[in-house]
Amino acid sequence: MARSLDGLVLSPVADQAPGQVGTGTRFAYRELDGRIWADYAGGGIVHGHLVGTREADVLDFRYVQLTRDGATASGHCVSTVTDLPDGRVRLDEEWEWESREGSGTSVVEEALS
């Protein structure tokens, strides 16, 4: 099993659609006893929050966010956690909006200090 996400800061390796999560977004993760949660902001996001569970190296969570243009959105994501060769953590994500149309994939990695 990959290491805990507790206390880690992760960021996307590429931008998504304009005004959404992107390389300027930072996710501050917490993890305890199979539960995960994170606050995130930056780029097109004023404030976001995710909450869910972890079973082995699979995360299953819901997210909700407020964008700079004042819109809110929510969705569901399933991520696989892996350790990178340099010791950082990577999440390979499959997500879908629940509040509007759309789905996709993304990669989020532990931010370099």
PDB file of N, CA and C in Angstrom:
ATOM      1  N   MET A   1       0.841  -1.188   0.000  1.00  0.00           N
ATOM      2  CA  MET A   1       0.000   0.000   0.000  1.00  0.00           C
ATOM      3  C   MET A   1       0.881   1.245   0.000  1.00  0.00           C
ATOM      4  N   ALA A   2       0.488   2.241  -0.805  1.00  0.00           N
ATOM      5  CA  ALA A   2       1.197   3.516  -0.848  1.00  0.00           C
ATOM      6  C   ALA A   2       1.054   4.220   0.502  1.00  0.00           C
ATOM      7  N   ARG A   3       1.939   5.146   0.769  1.00  0.00           N
ATOM      8  CA  ARG A   3       1.933   5.808   2.079  1.00  0.00           C
ATOM      9  C   ARG A   3       0.716   6.703   2.280  1.00  0.00           C
ATOM     10  N   SER A   4       0.517   7.103   3.506  1.00  0.00           N
ATOM     11  CA  SER A   4      -0.614   7.928   3.894  1.00  0.00           C
ATOM     12  C   SER A   4      -0.577   9.280   3.198  1.00  0.00           C
ATOM     13  N   LEU A   5      -1.759   9.827   2.953  1.00  0.00           N
ATOM     14  CA  LEU A   5      -1.888  11.170   2.393  1.00  0.00           C
ATOM     15  C   LEU A   5      -1.928  12.237   3.484  1.00  0.00           C
ATOM     16  N   ASP A   6      -1.984  11.832   4.743  1.00  0.00           N
ATOM     17  CA  ASP A   6      -2.165  12.775   5.833  1.00  0.00           C
ATOM     18  C   ASP A   6      -1.057  13.817   5.869  1.00  0.00           C
ATOM     19  N   GLY A   7      -1.454  15.079   5.771  1.00  0.00           N
ATOM     20  CA  GLY A   7      -0.523  16.192   5.838  1.00  0.00           C
ATOM     21  C   GLY A   7       0.152  16.537   4.526  1.00  0.00           C
ATOM     22  N   LEU A   8      -0.166  15.821   3.450  1.00  0.00           N
ATOM     23  CA  LEU A   8       0.478  16.082   2.162  1.00  0.00           C
ATOM     24  C   LEU A   8      -0.262  17.160   1.382  1.00  0.00           C
ATOM     25  N   VAL A   9       0.491  17.903   0.575  1.00  0.00           N
ATOM     26  CA  VAL A   9      -0.067  18.874  -0.355  1.00  0.00           C
ATOM     27  C   VAL A   9       0.186  18.341  -1.759  1.00  0.00           C
ATOM     28  N   LEU A  10      -0.881  18.230  -2.548  1.00  0.00           N
ATOM     29  CA  LEU A  10      -0.786  17.711  -3.906  1.00  0.00           C
ATOM     30  C   LEU A  10      -1.292  18.758  -4.889  1.00  0.00           C
ATOM     31  N   SER A  11      -0.829  18.667  -6.137  1.00  0.00           N
ATOM     32  CA  SER A  11      -1.294  19.581  -7.177  1.00  0.00           C
ATOM     33  C   SER A  11      -1.376  18.855  -8.511  1.00  0.00           C
ATOM     34  N   PRO A  12      -2.288  19.298  -9.377  1.00  0.00           N
ATOM     35  CA  PRO A  12      -2.434  18.693 -10.696  1.00  0.00           C
ATOM     36  C   PRO A  12      -1.168  18.899 -11.534  1.00  0.00           C
ATOM     37  N   VAL A  13      -0.875  17.922 -12.393  1.00  0.00           N
ATOM     38  CA  VAL A  13       0.288  18.039 -13.278  1.00  0.00           C
ATOM     39  C   VAL A  13      -0.070  18.775 -14.563  1.00  0.00           C
ATOM     40  N   ALA A  14      -1.372  18.985 -14.827  1.00  0.00           N
ATOM     41  CA  ALA A  14      -1.824  19.705 -16.020  1.00  0.00           C
ATOM     42  C   ALA A  14      -3.108  20.459 -15.692  1.00  0.00           C
ATOM     43  N   ASP A  15      -3.379  21.499 -16.459  1.00  0.00           N
ATOM     44  CA  ASP A  15      -4.611  22.267 -16.290  1.00  0.00           C
ATOM     45  C   ASP A  15      -5.795  21.505 -16.865  1.00  0.00           C
ATOM     46  N   GLN A  16      -6.953  21.681 -16.227  1.00  0.00           N
ATOM     47  CA  GLN A  16      -8.209  21.169 -16.776  1.00  0.00           C
ATOM     48  C   GLN A  16      -8.839  22.303 -17.582  1.00  0.00           C
ATOM     49  N   ALA A  17     -10.129  22.345 -17.688  1.00  0.00           N
ATOM     50  CA  ALA A  17     -10.823  23.400 -18.419  1.00  0.00           C
ATOM     51  C   ALA A  17     -10.576  24.752 -17.748  1.00  0.00           C
ATOM     52  N   PRO A  18     -10.615  25.846 -18.519  1.00  0.00           N
ATOM     53  CA  PRO A  18     -10.410  27.175 -17.940  1.00  0.00           C
ATOM     54  C   PRO A  18     -11.362  27.429 -16.771  1.00  0.00           C
ATOM     55  N   GLY A  19     -10.825  28.023 -15.698  1.00  0.00           N
ATOM     56  CA  GLY A  19     -11.622  28.351 -14.532  1.00  0.00           C
ATOM     57  C   GLY A  19     -11.857  27.191 -13.591  1.00  0.00           C
ATOM     58  N   GLN A  20     -11.220  26.063 -13.837  1.00  0.00           N
ATOM     59  CA  GLN A  20     -11.398  24.894 -12.992  1.00  0.00           C
ATOM     60  C   GLN A  20     -10.084  24.556 -12.295  1.00  0.00           C
ATOM     61  N   VAL A  21      -9.998  23.344 -11.762  1.00  0.00           N
ATOM     62  CA  VAL A  21      -8.776  22.869 -11.115  1.00  0.00           C
ATOM     63  C   VAL A  21      -7.646  22.873 -12.144  1.00  0.00           C
ATOM     64  N   GLY A  22      -6.468  23.311 -11.720  1.00  0.00           N
ATOM     65  CA  GLY A  22      -5.314  23.342 -12.613  1.00  0.00           C
ATOM     66  C   GLY A  22      -4.020  23.351 -11.835  1.00  0.00           C
ATOM     67  N   THR A  23      -2.927  23.600 -12.509  1.00  0.00           N
ATOM     68  CA  THR A  23      -1.603  23.530 -11.895  1.00  0.00           C
ATOM     69  C   THR A  23      -1.436  24.535 -10.753  1.00  0.00           C
ATOM     70  N   GLY A  24      -2.263  25.561 -10.702  1.00  0.00           N
ATOM     71  CA  GLY A  24      -2.211  26.522  -9.602  1.00  0.00           C
ATOM     72  C   GLY A  24      -3.032  26.119  -8.391  1.00  0.00           C
ATOM     73  N   THR A  25      -3.724  25.001  -8.475  1.00  0.00           N
ATOM     74  CA  THR A  25      -4.569  24.523  -7.369  1.00  0.00           C
ATOM     75  C   THR A  25      -3.753  23.642  -6.436  1.00  0.00           C
ATOM     76  N   ARG A  26      -3.941  23.815  -5.142  1.00  0.00           N
ATOM     77  CA  ARG A  26      -3.255  23.000  -4.136  1.00  0.00           C
ATOM     78  C   ARG A  26      -4.291  22.309  -3.257  1.00  0.00           C
ATOM     79  N   PHE A  27      -4.115  20.994  -3.072  1.00  0.00           N
ATOM     80  CA  PHE A  27      -4.975  20.165  -2.250  1.00  0.00           C
ATOM     81  C   PHE A  27      -4.229  19.812  -0.969  1.00  0.00           C
ATOM     82  N   ALA A  28      -4.777  20.176   0.179  1.00  0.00           N
ATOM     83  CA  ALA A  28      -4.181  19.845   1.474  1.00  0.00           C
ATOM     84  C   ALA A  28      -4.942  18.659   2.048  1.00  0.00           C
ATOM     85  N   TYR A  29      -4.337  17.469   1.972  1.00  0.00           N
ATOM     86  CA  TYR A  29      -5.002  16.218   2.346  1.00  0.00           C
ATOM     87  C   TYR A  29      -4.834  15.874   3.820  1.00  0.00           C
ATOM     88  N   ARG A  30      -5.864  15.208   4.340  1.00  0.00           N
ATOM     89  CA  ARG A  30      -5.834  14.593   5.669  1.00  0.00           C
ATOM     90  C   ARG A  30      -6.353  13.171   5.508  1.00  0.00           C
ATOM     91  N   GLU A  31      -5.891  12.279   6.363  1.00  0.00           N
ATOM     92  CA  GLU A  31      -6.317  10.887   6.312  1.00  0.00           C
ATOM     93  C   GLU A  31      -6.264  10.298   7.712  1.00  0.00           C
ATOM     94  N   LEU A  32      -7.307   9.540   8.066  1.00  0.00           N
ATOM     95  CA  LEU A  32      -7.356   8.884   9.359  1.00  0.00           C
ATOM     96  C   LEU A  32      -8.308   7.695   9.284  1.00  0.00           C
ATOM     97  N   ASP A  33      -7.805   6.527   9.604  1.00  0.00           N
ATOM     98  CA  ASP A  33      -8.627   5.314   9.725  1.00  0.00           C
ATOM     99  C   ASP A  33      -9.539   5.070   8.521  1.00  0.00           C
ATOM    100  N   GLY A  34      -8.988   5.177   7.316  1.00  0.00           N
ATOM    101  CA  GLY A  34      -9.762   4.901   6.110  1.00  0.00           C
ATOM    102  C   GLY A  34     -10.619   6.051   5.621  1.00  0.00           C
ATOM    103  N   ARG A  35     -10.569   7.182   6.319  1.00  0.00           N
ATOM    104  CA  ARG A  35     -11.294   8.380   5.885  1.00  0.00           C
ATOM    105  C   ARG A  35     -10.300   9.369   5.304  1.00  0.00           C
ATOM    106  N   ILE A  36     -10.691  10.062   4.238  1.00  0.00           N
ATOM    107  CA  ILE A  36      -9.848  11.104   3.654  1.00  0.00           C
ATOM    108  C   ILE A  36     -10.675  12.370   3.465  1.00  0.00           C
ATOM    109  N   TRP A  37      -9.989  13.508   3.522  1.00  0.00           N
ATOM    110  CA  TRP A  37     -10.621  14.775   3.242  1.00  0.00           C
ATOM    111  C   TRP A  37      -9.536  15.771   2.866  1.00  0.00           C
ATOM    112  N   ALA A  38      -9.948  16.812   2.164  1.00  0.00           N
ATOM    113  CA  ALA A  38      -8.984  17.836   1.757  1.00  0.00           C
ATOM    114  C   ALA A  38      -9.712  19.136   1.479  1.00  0.00           C
ATOM    115  N   ASP A  39      -9.019  20.228   1.734  1.00  0.00           N
ATOM    116  CA  ASP A  39      -9.431  21.548   1.284  1.00  0.00           C
ATOM    117  C   ASP A  39      -8.548  21.887   0.100  1.00  0.00           C
ATOM    118  N   TYR A  40      -9.104  22.604  -0.869  1.00  0.00           N
ATOM    119  CA  TYR A  40      -8.289  23.010  -2.007  1.00  0.00           C
ATOM    120  C   TYR A  40      -8.688  24.382  -2.512  1.00  0.00           C
ATOM    121  N   ALA A  41      -7.715  25.062  -3.110  1.00  0.00           N
ATOM    122  CA  ALA A  41      -7.920  26.397  -3.649  1.00  0.00           C
ATOM    123  C   ALA A  41      -6.769  26.715  -4.587  1.00  0.00           C
ATOM    124  N   GLY A  42      -6.962  27.754  -5.385  1.00  0.00           N
ATOM    125  CA  GLY A  42      -5.929  28.214  -6.301  1.00  0.00           C
ATOM    126  C   GLY A  42      -6.358  28.052  -7.742  1.00  0.00           C
ATOM    127  N   GLY A  43      -5.710  28.830  -8.624  1.00  0.00           N
ATOM    128  CA  GLY A  43      -6.131  28.828 -10.019  1.00  0.00           C
ATOM    129  C   GLY A  43      -7.532  29.397 -10.095  1.00  0.00           C
ATOM    130  N   GLY A  44      -8.441  28.689 -10.752  1.00  0.00           N
ATOM    131  CA  GLY A  44      -9.815  29.142 -10.888  1.00  0.00           C
ATOM    132  C   GLY A  44     -10.699  28.816  -9.708  1.00  0.00           C
ATOM    133  N   ILE A  45     -10.152  28.186  -8.668  1.00  0.00           N
ATOM    134  CA  ILE A  45     -10.942  27.747  -7.521  1.00  0.00           C
ATOM    135  C   ILE A  45     -10.736  28.671  -6.328  1.00  0.00           C
ATOM    136  N   VAL A  46     -11.835  29.224  -5.810  1.00  0.00           N
ATOM    137  CA  VAL A  46     -11.778  30.036  -4.594  1.00  0.00           C
ATOM    138  C   VAL A  46     -11.693  29.122  -3.380  1.00  0.00           C
ATOM    139  N   HIS A  47     -12.566  28.110  -3.353  1.00  0.00           N
ATOM    140  CA  HIS A  47     -12.555  27.153  -2.243  1.00  0.00           C
ATOM    141  C   HIS A  47     -13.189  25.853  -2.703  1.00  0.00           C
ATOM    142  N   GLY A  48     -12.559  24.754  -2.318  1.00  0.00           N
ATOM    143  CA  GLY A  48     -13.112  23.441  -2.599  1.00  0.00           C
ATOM    144  C   GLY A  48     -12.883  22.526  -1.414  1.00  0.00           C
ATOM    145  N   HIS A  49     -13.710  21.494  -1.335  1.00  0.00           N
ATOM    146  CA  HIS A  49     -13.582  20.523  -0.255  1.00  0.00           C
ATOM    147  C   HIS A  49     -13.944  19.158  -0.812  1.00  0.00           C
ATOM    148  N   LEU A  50     -13.198  18.147  -0.386  1.00  0.00           N
ATOM    149  CA  LEU A  50     -13.534  16.777  -0.749  1.00  0.00           C
ATOM    150  C   LEU A  50     -13.544  15.915   0.497  1.00  0.00           C
ATOM    151  N   VAL A  51     -14.355  14.864   0.460  1.00  0.00           N
ATOM    152  CA  VAL A  51     -14.462  13.949   1.589  1.00  0.00           C
ATOM    153  C   VAL A  51     -14.822  12.567   1.057  1.00  0.00           C
ATOM    154  N   GLY A  52     -14.187  11.547   1.647  1.00  0.00           N
ATOM    155  CA  GLY A  52     -14.471  10.195   1.207  1.00  0.00           C
ATOM    156  C   GLY A  52     -13.708   9.157   1.999  1.00  0.00           C
ATOM    157  N   THR A  53     -13.476   8.026   1.345  1.00  0.00           N
ATOM    158  CA  THR A  53     -12.847   6.894   2.005  1.00  0.00           C
ATOM    159  C   THR A  53     -11.657   6.384   1.198  1.00  0.00           C
ATOM    160  N   ARG A  54     -10.807   5.638   1.898  1.00  0.00           N
ATOM    161  CA  ARG A  54      -9.686   4.964   1.263  1.00  0.00           C
ATOM    162  C   ARG A  54      -9.732   3.498   1.649  1.00  0.00           C
ATOM    163  N   GLU A  55      -9.691   2.631   0.649  1.00  0.00           N
ATOM    164  CA  GLU A  55      -9.579   1.195   0.861  1.00  0.00           C
ATOM    165  C   GLU A  55      -8.361   0.736   0.083  1.00  0.00           C
ATOM    166  N   ALA A  56      -7.311   0.327   0.811  1.00  0.00           N
ATOM    167  CA  ALA A  56      -6.004  -0.002   0.210  1.00  0.00           C
ATOM    168  C   ALA A  56      -5.527   1.236  -0.547  1.00  0.00           C
ATOM    169  N   ASP A  57      -5.306   1.143  -1.838  1.00  0.00           N
ATOM    170  CA  ASP A  57      -4.812   2.286  -2.607  1.00  0.00           C
ATOM    171  C   ASP A  57      -5.868   2.927  -3.492  1.00  0.00           C
ATOM    172  N   VAL A  58      -7.134   2.763  -3.124  1.00  0.00           N
ATOM    173  CA  VAL A  58      -8.224   3.373  -3.894  1.00  0.00           C
ATOM    174  C   VAL A  58      -8.983   4.366  -3.014  1.00  0.00           C
ATOM    175  N   LEU A  59      -9.083   5.597  -3.510  1.00  0.00           N
ATOM    176  CA  LEU A  59      -9.863   6.644  -2.858  1.00  0.00           C
ATOM    177  C   LEU A  59     -11.198   6.762  -3.572  1.00  0.00           C
ATOM    178  N   ASP A  60     -12.263   6.970  -2.823  1.00  0.00           N
ATOM    179  CA  ASP A  60     -13.591   7.194  -3.383  1.00  0.00           C
ATOM    180  C   ASP A  60     -14.161   8.391  -2.645  1.00  0.00           C
ATOM    181  N   PHE A  61     -14.354   9.506  -3.350  1.00  0.00           N
ATOM    182  CA  PHE A  61     -14.791  10.708  -2.659  1.00  0.00           C
ATOM    183  C   PHE A  61     -15.710  11.574  -3.507  1.00  0.00           C
ATOM    184  N   ARG A  62     -16.414  12.464  -2.815  1.00  0.00           N
ATOM    185  CA  ARG A  62     -17.229  13.507  -3.424  1.00  0.00           C
ATOM    186  C   ARG A  62     -16.503  14.832  -3.205  1.00  0.00           C
ATOM    187  N   TYR A  63     -16.707  15.753  -4.147  1.00  0.00           N
ATOM    188  CA  TYR A  63     -16.100  17.077  -4.024  1.00  0.00           C
ATOM    189  C   TYR A  63     -17.115  18.157  -4.361  1.00  0.00           C
ATOM    190  N   VAL A  64     -16.898  19.335  -3.798  1.00  0.00           N
ATOM    191  CA  VAL A  64     -17.721  20.506  -4.068  1.00  0.00           C
ATOM    192  C   VAL A  64     -16.791  21.712  -4.106  1.00  0.00           C
ATOM    193  N   GLN A  65     -17.077  22.649  -5.015  1.00  0.00           N
ATOM    194  CA  GLN A  65     -16.163  23.785  -5.151  1.00  0.00           C
ATOM    195  C   GLN A  65     -16.895  25.051  -5.574  1.00  0.00           C
ATOM    196  N   LEU A  66     -16.244  26.180  -5.262  1.00  0.00           N
ATOM    197  CA  LEU A  66     -16.696  27.506  -5.656  1.00  0.00           C
ATOM    198  C   LEU A  66     -15.620  28.092  -6.557  1.00  0.00           C
ATOM    199  N   THR A  67     -16.005  28.538  -7.756  1.00  0.00           N
ATOM    200  CA  THR A  67     -15.035  29.095  -8.695  1.00  0.00           C
ATOM    201  C   THR A  67     -15.005  30.618  -8.605  1.00  0.00           C
ATOM    202  N   ARG A  68     -13.985  31.209  -9.208  1.00  0.00           N
ATOM    203  CA  ARG A  68     -13.805  32.662  -9.161  1.00  0.00           C
ATOM    204  C   ARG A  68     -14.982  33.426  -9.761  1.00  0.00           C
ATOM    205  N   ASP A  69     -15.699  32.818 -10.695  1.00  0.00           N
ATOM    206  CA  ASP A  69     -16.855  33.494 -11.292  1.00  0.00           C
ATOM    207  C   ASP A  69     -18.127  33.338 -10.461  1.00  0.00           C
ATOM    208  N   GLY A  70     -18.028  32.723  -9.272  1.00  0.00           N
ATOM    209  CA  GLY A  70     -19.154  32.590  -8.366  1.00  0.00           C
ATOM    210  C   GLY A  70     -19.995  31.341  -8.565  1.00  0.00           C
ATOM    211  N   ALA A  71     -19.602  30.466  -9.476  1.00  0.00           N
ATOM    212  CA  ALA A  71     -20.355  29.230  -9.712  1.00  0.00           C
ATOM    213  C   ALA A  71     -19.947  28.150  -8.713  1.00  0.00           C
ATOM    214  N   THR A  72     -20.893  27.301  -8.365  1.00  0.00           N
ATOM    215  CA  THR A  72     -20.605  26.133  -7.545  1.00  0.00           C
ATOM    216  C   THR A  72     -20.774  24.884  -8.401  1.00  0.00           C
ATOM    217  N   ALA A  73     -20.068  23.822  -8.028  1.00  0.00           N
ATOM    218  CA  ALA A  73     -20.165  22.556  -8.749  1.00  0.00           C
ATOM    219  C   ALA A  73     -19.800  21.428  -7.801  1.00  0.00           C
ATOM    220  N   SER A  74     -20.313  20.229  -8.099  1.00  0.00           N
ATOM    221  CA  SER A  74     -20.011  19.063  -7.265  1.00  0.00           C
ATOM    222  C   SER A  74     -19.845  17.841  -8.149  1.00  0.00           C
ATOM    223  N   GLY A  75     -19.123  16.846  -7.605  1.00  0.00           N
ATOM    224  CA  GLY A  75     -18.910  15.639  -8.375  1.00  0.00           C
ATOM    225  C   GLY A  75     -18.375  14.492  -7.549  1.00  0.00           C
ATOM    226  N   HIS A  76     -18.024  13.431  -8.247  1.00  0.00           N
ATOM    227  CA  HIS A  76     -17.538  12.182  -7.664  1.00  0.00           C
ATOM    228  C   HIS A  76     -16.220  11.813  -8.325  1.00  0.00           C
ATOM    229  N   CYS A  77     -15.290  11.260  -7.542  1.00  0.00           N
ATOM    230  CA  CYS A  77     -13.986  10.879  -8.068  1.00  0.00           C
ATOM    231  C   CYS A  77     -13.524   9.573  -7.431  1.00  0.00           C
ATOM    232  N   VAL A  78     -12.889   8.733  -8.243  1.00  0.00           N
ATOM    233  CA  VAL A  78     -12.218   7.532  -7.765  1.00  0.00           C
ATOM    234  C   VAL A  78     -10.761   7.659  -8.193  1.00  0.00           C
ATOM    235  N   SER A  79      -9.851   7.548  -7.231  1.00  0.00           N
ATOM    236  CA  SER A  79      -8.421   7.742  -7.491  1.00  0.00           C
ATOM    237  C   SER A  79      -7.621   6.536  -7.025  1.00  0.00           C
ATOM    238  N   THR A  80      -6.559   6.251  -7.744  1.00  0.00           N
ATOM    239  CA  THR A  80      -5.614   5.213  -7.337  1.00  0.00           C
ATOM    240  C   THR A  80      -4.342   5.887  -6.849  1.00  0.00           C
ATOM    241  N   VAL A  81      -3.886   5.517  -5.662  1.00  0.00           N
ATOM    242  CA  VAL A  81      -2.706   6.111  -5.038  1.00  0.00           C
ATOM    243  C   VAL A  81      -1.493   5.244  -5.366  1.00  0.00           C
ATOM    244  N   THR A  82      -0.421   5.881  -5.838  1.00  0.00           N
ATOM    245  CA  THR A  82       0.836   5.163  -6.063  1.00  0.00           C
ATOM    246  C   THR A  82       1.986   6.000  -5.525  1.00  0.00           C
ATOM    247  N   ASP A  83       3.071   5.317  -5.190  1.00  0.00           N
ATOM    248  CA  ASP A  83       4.304   5.995  -4.796  1.00  0.00           C
ATOM    249  C   ASP A  83       5.166   6.169  -6.037  1.00  0.00           C
ATOM    250  N   LEU A  84       5.664   7.383  -6.247  1.00  0.00           N
ATOM    251  CA  LEU A  84       6.574   7.654  -7.358  1.00  0.00           C
ATOM    252  C   LEU A  84       7.995   7.219  -6.991  1.00  0.00           C
ATOM    253  N   PRO A  85       8.839   6.967  -7.993  1.00  0.00           N
ATOM    254  CA  PRO A  85      10.216   6.539  -7.714  1.00  0.00           C
ATOM    255  C   PRO A  85      11.003   7.523  -6.832  1.00  0.00           C
ATOM    256  N   ASP A  86      10.641   8.829  -6.900  1.00  0.00           N
ATOM    257  CA  ASP A  86      11.353   9.823  -6.095  1.00  0.00           C
ATOM    258  C   ASP A  86      10.788   9.947  -4.673  1.00  0.00           C
ATOM    259  N   GLY A  87       9.798   9.092  -4.315  1.00  0.00           N
ATOM    260  CA  GLY A  87       9.248   9.085  -2.966  1.00  0.00           C
ATOM    261  C   GLY A  87       7.972   9.887  -2.799  1.00  0.00           C
ATOM    262  N   ARG A  88       7.600  10.663  -3.809  1.00  0.00           N
ATOM    263  CA  ARG A  88       6.352  11.427  -3.725  1.00  0.00           C
ATOM    264  C   ARG A  88       5.158  10.529  -4.047  1.00  0.00           C
ATOM    265  N   VAL A  89       3.964  11.036  -3.747  1.00  0.00           N
ATOM    266  CA  VAL A  89       2.718  10.309  -3.988  1.00  0.00           C
ATOM    267  C   VAL A  89       2.046  10.852  -5.239  1.00  0.00           C
ATOM    268  N   ARG A  90       1.371   9.954  -5.979  1.00  0.00           N
ATOM    269  CA  ARG A  90       0.635  10.317  -7.194  1.00  0.00           C
ATOM    270  C   ARG A  90      -0.770   9.738  -7.100  1.00  0.00           C
ATOM    271  N   LEU A  91      -1.766  10.516  -7.559  1.00  0.00           N
ATOM    272  CA  LEU A  91      -3.144  10.044  -7.669  1.00  0.00           C
ATOM    273  C   LEU A  91      -3.543  10.057  -9.134  1.00  0.00           C
ATOM    274  N   ASP A  92      -3.957   8.909  -9.652  1.00  0.00           N
ATOM    275  CA  ASP A  92      -4.538   8.818 -10.992  1.00  0.00           C
ATOM    276  C   ASP A  92      -6.046   8.810 -10.798  1.00  0.00           C
ATOM    277  N   GLU A  93      -6.711   9.840 -11.331  1.00  0.00           N
ATOM    278  CA  GLU A  93      -8.100  10.100 -10.995  1.00  0.00           C
ATOM    279  C   GLU A  93      -9.049   9.919 -12.182  1.00  0.00           C
ATOM    280  N   GLU A  94     -10.217   9.387 -11.891  1.00  0.00           N
ATOM    281  CA  GLU A  94     -11.339   9.354 -12.827  1.00  0.00           C
ATOM    282  C   GLU A  94     -12.488  10.069 -12.139  1.00  0.00           C
ATOM    283  N   TRP A  95     -12.949  11.171 -12.735  1.00  0.00           N
ATOM    284  CA  TRP A  95     -13.947  11.995 -12.075  1.00  0.00           C
ATOM    285  C   TRP A  95     -15.138  12.237 -12.990  1.00  0.00           C
ATOM    286  N   GLU A  96     -16.246  12.615 -12.360  1.00  0.00           N
ATOM    287  CA  GLU A  96     -17.443  12.982 -13.100  1.00  0.00           C
ATOM    288  C   GLU A  96     -18.200  14.036 -12.309  1.00  0.00           C
ATOM    289  N   TRP A  97     -18.716  15.019 -13.038  1.00  0.00           N
ATOM    290  CA  TRP A  97     -19.556  16.017 -12.399  1.00  0.00           C
ATOM    291  C   TRP A  97     -20.895  15.386 -12.062  1.00  0.00           C
ATOM    292  N   GLU A  98     -21.466  15.770 -10.932  1.00  0.00           N
ATOM    293  CA  GLU A  98     -22.819  15.365 -10.577  1.00  0.00           C
ATOM    294  C   GLU A  98     -23.783  16.544 -10.709  1.00  0.00           C
ATOM    295  N   SER A  99     -23.263  17.755 -10.692  1.00  0.00           N
ATOM    296  CA  SER A  99     -24.093  18.948 -10.766  1.00  0.00           C
ATOM    297  C   SER A  99     -24.249  19.465 -12.199  1.00  0.00           C
ATOM    298  N   ARG A 100     -23.532  18.849 -13.137  1.00  0.00           N
ATOM    299  CA  ARG A 100     -23.607  19.246 -14.550  1.00  0.00           C
ATOM    300  C   ARG A 100     -23.040  18.117 -15.407  1.00  0.00           C
ATOM    301  N   GLU A 101     -23.045  18.289 -16.688  1.00  0.00           N
ATOM    302  CA  GLU A 101     -22.504  17.282 -17.600  1.00  0.00           C
ATOM    303  C   GLU A 101     -20.982  17.302 -17.587  1.00  0.00           C
ATOM    304  N   GLY A 102     -20.371  16.128 -17.776  1.00  0.00           N
ATOM    305  CA  GLY A 102     -18.934  16.067 -17.968  1.00  0.00           C
ATOM    306  C   GLY A 102     -18.245  15.058 -17.074  1.00  0.00           C
ATOM    307  N   SER A 103     -17.130  14.536 -17.585  1.00  0.00           N
ATOM    308  CA  SER A 103     -16.293  13.591 -16.847  1.00  0.00           C
ATOM    309  C   SER A 103     -14.909  13.620 -17.463  1.00  0.00           C
ATOM    310  N   GLY A 104     -13.944  12.990 -16.787  1.00  0.00           N
ATOM    311  CA  GLY A 104     -12.593  12.978 -17.337  1.00  0.00           C
ATOM    312  C   GLY A 104     -11.619  12.279 -16.415  1.00  0.00           C
ATOM    313  N   THR A 105     -10.356  12.449 -16.732  1.00  0.00           N
ATOM    314  CA  THR A 105      -9.277  11.900 -15.921  1.00  0.00           C
ATOM    315  C   THR A 105      -8.292  13.017 -15.611  1.00  0.00           C
ATOM    316  N   SER A 106      -7.559  12.836 -14.552  1.00  0.00           N
ATOM    317  CA  SER A 106      -6.511  13.794 -14.175  1.00  0.00           C
ATOM    318  C   SER A 106      -5.457  13.081 -13.351  1.00  0.00           C
ATOM    319  N   VAL A 107      -4.312  13.747 -13.211  1.00  0.00           N
ATOM    320  CA  VAL A 107      -3.211  13.247 -12.398  1.00  0.00           C
ATOM    321  C   VAL A 107      -2.824  14.337 -11.420  1.00  0.00           C
ATOM    322  N   VAL A 108      -2.718  13.967 -10.149  1.00  0.00           N
ATOM    323  CA  VAL A 108      -2.333  14.885  -9.089  1.00  0.00           C
ATOM    324  C   VAL A 108      -1.131  14.271  -8.382  1.00  0.00           C
ATOM    325  N   GLU A 109      -0.094  15.091  -8.154  1.00  0.00           N
ATOM    326  CA  GLU A 109       1.124  14.585  -7.502  1.00  0.00           C
ATOM    327  C   GLU A 109       1.485  15.445  -6.312  1.00  0.00           C
ATOM    328  N   GLU A 110       2.162  14.812  -5.363  1.00  0.00           N
ATOM    329  CA  GLU A 110       2.660  15.537  -4.198  1.00  0.00           C
ATOM    330  C   GLU A 110       3.536  16.682  -4.684  1.00  0.00           C
ATOM    331  N   ALA A 111       3.250  17.885  -4.168  1.00  0.00           N
ATOM    332  CA  ALA A 111       3.978  19.075  -4.579  1.00  0.00           C
ATOM    333  C   ALA A 111       5.429  19.016  -4.096  1.00  0.00           C
ATOM    334  N   LEU A 112       6.322  19.507  -4.942  1.00  0.00           N
ATOM    335  CA  LEU A 112       7.722  19.610  -4.551  1.00  0.00           C
ATOM    336  C   LEU A 112       7.870  20.699  -3.509  1.00  0.00           C
ATOM    337  N   SER A 113       8.643  20.473  -2.499  1.00  0.00           N
ATOM    338  CA  SER A 113       8.816  21.487  -1.424  1.00  0.00           C
ATOM    339  C   SER A 113       9.614  22.653  -1.903  1.00  0.00           C
TER     340      SER A 113
END
